[in-house]
């Protein structure tokens, strides 16, 4: 079990750099890559001590029992103030383990979510007998009834993809706990810098570490964190489905965590500046960003979040073709899916993340074809504003 180091009063930035108690035998300041599939033992007794959990130690990399993976998970747990953590090969793999273990009595998915997640919940999991009920963020009054009907897992993103809806983790957790249900929050958009769901009532927090945790658009990974008794059962799903993070990826992700606060803090400030500039532009009909007073969830975001994030969605006056025309003229923003990297990205949800939904389903979720989602990187915000202005012009 990969758990956080003992409690400390150190700040989050310090924990991001020094969050693991595991040290390399040769004195390396950060755990190197243990690029090996298996680990040898002096004798059978020593092997059985590790296999049976009496002694912590490396055993077999597919199991996640590798020093590079251990060190990463300990640092992640420390940053999140979680008891325990497992790292996976992708965010979808992390979600799948949670759904398979805790969703068998039914899942309630609230609000919008990543298109791949919606497809998994709606199409693949029912084939395994795991069924999901979908409700909008504006339909929370229905949650109590579905939980009374037996569903035992509530899942949602906040802020959501791509409308940046803010859901009240505290209120949802209180309703779920009254029915003995668990709450799992996808915190990818916020990152642990801006929001820590476990501290306000969630049971599990999930990340696509490909995004802000990785931060450089060069790895694919996922993370689940929470109380030890909830995290422990996920280990067998990860082991037997073969979805463990590789040592190479674990090392790159550990590298990225050392600059997490610096990156996200800069992206927060830049996104705020871009959002304010776009809200004043005559060709933009709507800007969705929690840091704007015009955002419906602005007041709630101020209560739950320490920063408003690096993602905003703009809606172009016109149709999908008008939005595509703007996207195609961008020079600094790369036209690509994903988010959270050092470079700024632009994508139309209707052509990428939510392309698999019908037009009616997208509209039901408030996703228009004229939306462009912007992931703000580490460039100068003035240059990003100039790039958007010339594309809109």
Foldseek 3Di string as FASTA:
>chain_A
DQFAPPDDPDDLLVLLQVGFPDADPVGDSADDFPQDFADDDPDPVVVVCCVVVVDQAAGGVLLVRDVLSSRLFRSVCSNLVFGGKAKWQALVLVVVLCCVVAQQQEEEEEAAAWQVVVCCAPPVVVVVNGHYHYYYLVPCVCVLVVLVVGGAEYEYEALHPPQNDGHQLQVVLVSNVVSNHAYEYADAQQPSQWFRSQVRRHAKYKYQCCALLLAANPGTMMMIGHYPVSVVVSSVSSSVVSTHHHSVRSNSSSVSSSCSNVWWVLLLVLQVVLQVLLVPDPQWPDKRWLCDPPHPCVVVSVVGTPGGGNKMKTFGPDALVLLVQLQVQFDQADDDDGARYQGKHKYQCCVPRNVVDDCVVCVVSVRGSRMIMMHGHNDDSVVVNVRSVVSND
